[in-house]
């Protein structure tokens, strides 16, 4: 789980316009992005569980 949080935190950081090098950033900034990552990861199962049944099984039809 820690590695997953780190990957997501890094991706969120790199999506910023003014992102520099993750390894060079202070730990306090990295921890902020890790909090965002934990929140994003925690939301994933909830989104899947709350999705209407029709959306879960909807498959595009190609004629």
Protein backbone atom coordinates (compact mmCIF):
# COMPACT_ATOMS: atom_id res chain seq x y z
CA UNK A 1 0.00 0.00 0.00
CA UNK A 2 2.84 2.40 0.78
CA UNK A 3 4.29 1.97 -2.69
CA UNK A 4 0.86 2.55 -4.24
CA UNK A 5 0.51 5.78 -2.23
CA UNK A 6 3.98 6.86 -3.33
CA UNK A 7 3.19 6.22 -7.02
CA UNK A 8 -0.08 8.14 -6.87
CA UNK A 9 1.50 10.99 -4.87
CA UNK A 10 4.28 11.29 -7.40
CA UNK A 11 1.81 11.28 -10.30
CA UNK A 12 -0.26 14.00 -8.66
CA UNK A 13 2.87 16.04 -8.01
CA UNK A 14 4.10 15.66 -11.59
CA UNK A 15 0.71 16.79 -12.91
CA UNK A 16 1.36 20.22 -11.38
CA UNK A 17 2.51 22.92 -13.80
CA UNK A 18 5.44 23.96 -11.63
CA UNK A 19 6.59 20.46 -10.66
CA UNK A 20 10.32 20.00 -10.41
CA UNK A 21 12.10 16.82 -9.30
CA UNK A 22 10.19 14.72 -6.74
CA UNK A 23 13.38 13.51 -5.03
CA UNK A 24 14.55 17.11 -4.51
CA UNK A 25 11.35 18.31 -2.85
CA UNK A 26 11.17 18.74 0.93
CA UNK A 27 9.54 15.95 2.89
CA UNK A 28 6.73 18.26 4.07
CA UNK A 29 5.63 18.80 0.44
CA UNK A 30 5.89 15.09 -0.35
CA UNK A 31 3.74 14.29 2.68
CA UNK A 32 1.06 16.71 1.45
CA UNK A 33 0.87 14.85 -1.87
CA UNK A 34 0.81 11.52 -0.03
CA UNK A 35 -2.27 12.72 1.87
CA UNK A 36 -3.92 13.59 -1.45
CA UNK A 37 -2.95 10.17 -2.80
CA UNK A 38 -4.42 8.35 0.22
CA UNK A 39 -7.66 10.28 -0.20
CA UNK A 40 -7.82 9.48 -3.91
CA UNK A 41 -7.13 5.78 -3.33
CA UNK A 42 -9.73 5.64 -0.56
CA UNK A 43 -12.35 7.02 -2.97
CA UNK A 44 -11.82 4.33 -5.62
CA UNK A 45 -13.85 1.50 -4.05
CA UNK A 46 -16.61 3.91 -3.08
CA UNK A 47 -16.98 5.08 -6.68
CA UNK A 48 -17.18 1.53 -7.95
CA UNK A 49 -19.65 0.48 -5.24
CA UNK A 50 -21.87 3.54 -5.74
CA UNK A 51 -22.01 3.27 -9.54
CA UNK A 52 -25.45 2.37 -10.86
CA UNK A 53 -25.76 -1.23 -12.02
CA UNK A 54 -26.51 -0.13 -15.57
CA UNK A 55 -23.17 1.68 -15.81
CA UNK A 56 -21.21 -1.29 -14.44
CA UNK A 57 -22.30 -3.67 -17.17
CA UNK A 58 -22.63 -1.19 -20.01
CA UNK A 59 -20.58 -2.28 -23.01
CA UNK A 60 -20.41 -0.17 -26.16
CA UNK A 61 -22.11 -1.86 -29.09
CA UNK A 62 -20.32 -1.79 -32.40
CA UNK A 63 -22.51 -2.62 -35.37
